[in-house]
Amino acid sequence: MNDMITAKEVRCMGDDGTNYGIISTREAQSTADDLGLDLVLIAPDGKPPVAKIMDYGKFKYQQEKKKKEAKKKQKVIEVKEIKLSVKIAENDVNYKVKHAIEFLEAGKHVKFRVFLKGREMAHPEAGVEVLKRVWPMIEEIGVMDKQPKLEGRYVNMYVVPKNEHHKN
């Protein structure tokens, strides 16, 4: 920007679309100063490099504004985690599945985790069995995004709402 530009000559353009052609950097800088604007290098790899005469502060402000707009339009996906254990009772499973169904109906993603304690680590398939017991209860409203899989001390299964999955 401005005096930091080291190229001898630049292809210069104005903010209003005026094309100054290939001129010396010094000449481009003086033109920018006369207009009360900044000389900004747009394409430094070009032959010759491309510079634009513009209000840099205004340019930065508009870039920030665009970023904020894009961020507003993003959809945040909430992931709810439901923890189970290998020795979980049937009514506890039903209670946790009821909550999972509420989360899925609200459009949230659900991650089921079975924690393996002590010697249960020797038989991770027991955790997979618990998740396979849970799956039939939620398959009407959910889509299994990730199959039950051992990750560290947990066996995880990821479920997304059915209606959201069909949109993609």
Protein backbone atom coordinates (compact mmCIF):
# COMPACT_ATOMS: atom_id res chain seq x y z
CA MET A 1 0.00 0.00 0.00
CA ASN A 2 1.16 3.55 -0.80
CA ASP A 3 4.92 3.99 -0.18
CA MET A 4 5.40 0.28 0.58
CA ILE A 5 5.02 -0.63 -3.13
CA THR A 6 8.47 -1.54 -4.47
CA ALA A 7 7.63 -2.14 -8.16
CA LYS A 8 8.99 0.45 -10.62
CA GLU A 9 5.78 0.61 -12.61
CA VAL A 10 2.22 -0.57 -12.11
CA ARG A 11 -0.95 -1.05 -14.13
CA CYS A 12 -3.09 1.58 -12.42
CA MET A 13 -6.86 1.79 -12.13
CA GLY A 14 -9.10 4.27 -10.35
CA ASP A 15 -11.87 3.47 -7.88
CA ASP A 16 -14.40 4.94 -10.34
CA GLY A 17 -13.29 2.61 -13.14
CA THR A 18 -10.79 5.01 -14.74
CA ASN A 19 -7.91 3.12 -16.35
CA TYR A 20 -4.61 5.00 -16.07
CA GLY A 21 -2.68 2.28 -17.93
CA ILE A 22 0.90 1.30 -17.11
CA ILE A 23 2.54 4.19 -15.27
CA SER A 24 5.45 4.59 -12.86
CA THR A 25 4.70 3.87 -9.20
CA ARG A 26 5.73 7.40 -8.27
CA GLU A 27 3.27 8.88 -10.78
CA ALA A 28 0.47 6.58 -9.55
CA GLN A 29 1.22 7.59 -5.95
CA SER A 30 1.09 11.31 -6.75
CA THR A 31 -2.24 10.82 -8.60
CA ALA A 32 -3.62 9.01 -5.53
CA ASP A 33 -2.34 11.81 -3.24
CA ASP A 34 -3.96 14.46 -5.45
CA LEU A 35 -7.29 12.63 -5.14
CA GLY A 36 -6.80 12.17 -1.38
CA LEU A 37 -6.92 8.39 -1.74
CA ASP A 38 -4.57 5.43 -1.25
CA LEU A 39 -2.63 3.42 -3.82
CA VAL A 40 -3.28 -0.26 -3.04
CA LEU A 41 -1.58 -3.22 -4.72
CA ILE A 42 -4.34 -5.58 -5.89
CA ALA A 43 -2.38 -8.19 -7.88
CA PRO A 44 1.29 -8.07 -6.85
CA ASP A 45 2.15 -11.12 -9.01
CA GLY A 46 0.98 -9.51 -12.25
CA LYS A 47 3.40 -8.32 -14.93
CA PRO A 48 3.38 -5.40 -14.25
CA PRO A 49 1.69 -5.52 -10.79
CA VAL A 50 -1.86 -4.15 -10.66
CA ALA A 51 -2.60 -1.25 -8.31
CA LYS A 52 -5.84 0.54 -7.59
CA ILE A 53 -6.45 4.06 -6.34
CA MET A 54 -9.09 3.78 -3.60
CA ASP A 55 -10.14 4.80 -0.11
CA TYR A 56 -8.51 1.93 1.81
CA GLY A 57 -10.37 2.63 5.07
CA LYS A 58 -13.72 2.44 3.29
CA PHE A 59 -12.60 -0.72 1.47
CA LYS A 60 -11.65 -2.44 4.77
CA TYR A 61 -14.96 -1.38 6.33
CA GLN A 62 -16.95 -2.89 3.46
CA GLN A 63 -14.95 -6.14 3.65
CA GLU A 64 -15.77 -6.41 7.38
CA LYS A 65 -19.42 -5.67 6.64
CA LYS A 66 -19.54 -8.47 4.02
CA LYS A 67 -17.93 -10.89 6.49
CA LYS A 68 -20.51 -10.07 9.16
CA GLU A 69 -23.38 -10.54 6.69
CA ALA A 70 -22.02 -13.94 5.66
CA LYS A 71 -21.70 -14.92 9.32
CA LYS A 72 -25.32 -13.93 10.00
CA LYS A 73 -26.55 -16.20 7.24
CA GLN A 74 -24.65 -19.23 8.56
CA LYS A 75 -26.70 -21.92 10.23
CA VAL A 76 -25.28 -23.17 13.51
CA ILE A 77 -25.74 -26.89 13.99
CA GLU A 78 -26.30 -27.86 17.59
CA VAL A 79 -25.05 -31.28 18.61
CA LYS A 80 -26.60 -32.82 21.69
CA GLU A 81 -24.70 -35.60 23.40
CA ILE A 82 -26.44 -38.51 25.09
CA LYS A 83 -24.26 -40.68 27.32
CA LEU A 84 -25.07 -44.32 27.89
CA SER A 85 -23.24 -47.16 29.61
CA VAL A 86 -22.89 -50.85 28.85
CA LYS A 87 -24.94 -51.89 31.90
CA ILE A 88 -27.79 -49.41 31.34
CA ALA A 89 -31.31 -50.49 32.36
CA GLU A 90 -34.07 -50.69 29.72
CA ASN A 91 -36.18 -47.89 31.25
CA ASP A 92 -33.09 -45.63 31.34
CA VAL A 93 -32.54 -46.33 27.65
CA ASN A 94 -36.19 -45.43 26.93
CA TYR A 95 -35.86 -42.19 28.92
CA LYS A 96 -32.69 -41.13 27.08
CA VAL A 97 -34.16 -42.09 23.70
CA LYS A 98 -37.22 -39.93 24.48
CA HIS A 99 -34.88 -36.95 24.93
CA ALA A 100 -32.99 -37.84 21.74
CA ILE A 101 -36.27 -37.86 19.82
CA GLU A 102 -37.12 -34.39 21.19
CA PHE A 103 -33.69 -33.10 20.09
CA LEU A 104 -34.03 -34.61 16.61
CA GLU A 105 -37.53 -33.16 16.20
CA ALA A 106 -36.09 -29.75 17.14
CA GLY A 107 -33.59 -30.15 14.26
CA LYS A 108 -30.56 -30.83 16.45
CA HIS A 109 -27.97 -33.50 15.78
CA VAL A 110 -27.52 -36.20 18.42
CA LYS A 111 -24.33 -38.00 19.34
CA PHE A 112 -24.83 -41.18 21.34
CA ARG A 113 -21.81 -42.17 23.44
CA VAL A 114 -21.34 -45.39 25.37
CA PHE A 115 -18.57 -45.02 27.94
CA LEU A 116 -16.48 -48.15 28.50
CA LYS A 117 -15.22 -48.52 32.06
CA GLY A 118 -12.31 -50.70 33.18
CA ARG A 119 -12.61 -54.22 31.80
CA GLU A 120 -15.41 -53.23 29.43
CA MET A 121 -12.58 -51.94 27.19
CA ALA A 122 -11.75 -55.58 26.44
CA HIS A 123 -15.21 -56.01 24.84
CA PRO A 124 -16.06 -52.81 22.92
CA GLU A 125 -18.69 -54.77 20.96
CA ALA A 126 -20.84 -54.55 24.12
CA GLY A 127 -21.01 -50.77 23.56
CA VAL A 128 -21.95 -51.32 19.92
CA GLU A 129 -24.74 -53.67 21.08
CA VAL A 130 -26.21 -50.93 23.32
CA LEU A 131 -26.26 -48.53 20.36
CA LYS A 132 -27.83 -51.20 18.13
CA ARG A 133 -30.55 -51.56 20.78
CA VAL A 134 -31.14 -47.78 20.69
CA TRP A 135 -31.19 -47.40 16.88
CA PRO A 136 -34.60 -49.08 16.13
CA MET A 137 -36.26 -46.66 18.58
CA ILE A 138 -35.11 -43.56 16.68
CA GLU A 139 -34.77 -44.71 13.07
CA GLU A 140 -38.20 -43.28 12.08
CA ILE A 141 -37.12 -39.69 12.75
CA GLY A 142 -33.34 -39.91 12.42
CA VAL A 143 -30.69 -40.91 9.92
CA MET A 144 -27.51 -42.60 11.12
CA ASP A 145 -24.75 -40.29 9.92
CA LYS A 146 -21.93 -42.34 11.44
CA GLN A 147 -22.08 -46.02 12.29
CA PRO A 148 -21.26 -47.05 15.90
CA LYS A 149 -17.48 -46.77 16.15
CA LEU A 150 -14.93 -47.13 18.95
CA GLU A 151 -13.07 -43.88 19.65
CA GLY A 152 -10.85 -44.08 22.71
CA ARG A 153 -12.98 -45.13 25.71
CA TYR A 154 -16.24 -44.31 23.91
CA VAL A 155 -18.33 -46.04 21.27
CA ASN A 156 -19.97 -43.20 19.31
CA MET A 157 -22.94 -43.07 16.95
CA TYR A 158 -24.00 -39.85 15.20
CA VAL A 159 -27.65 -39.28 14.23
CA VAL A 160 -29.10 -36.36 12.23
CA PRO A 161 -32.79 -35.44 11.76
CA LYS A 162 -34.39 -37.21 8.81
CA ASN A 163 -35.99 -34.14 7.17
CA GLU A 164 -32.66 -32.25 7.19
CA HIS A 165 -30.85 -35.18 5.61
CA HIS A 166 -33.27 -35.26 2.68
CA LYS A 167 -32.76 -31.55 1.93
CA ASN A 168 -29.09 -32.13 0.98
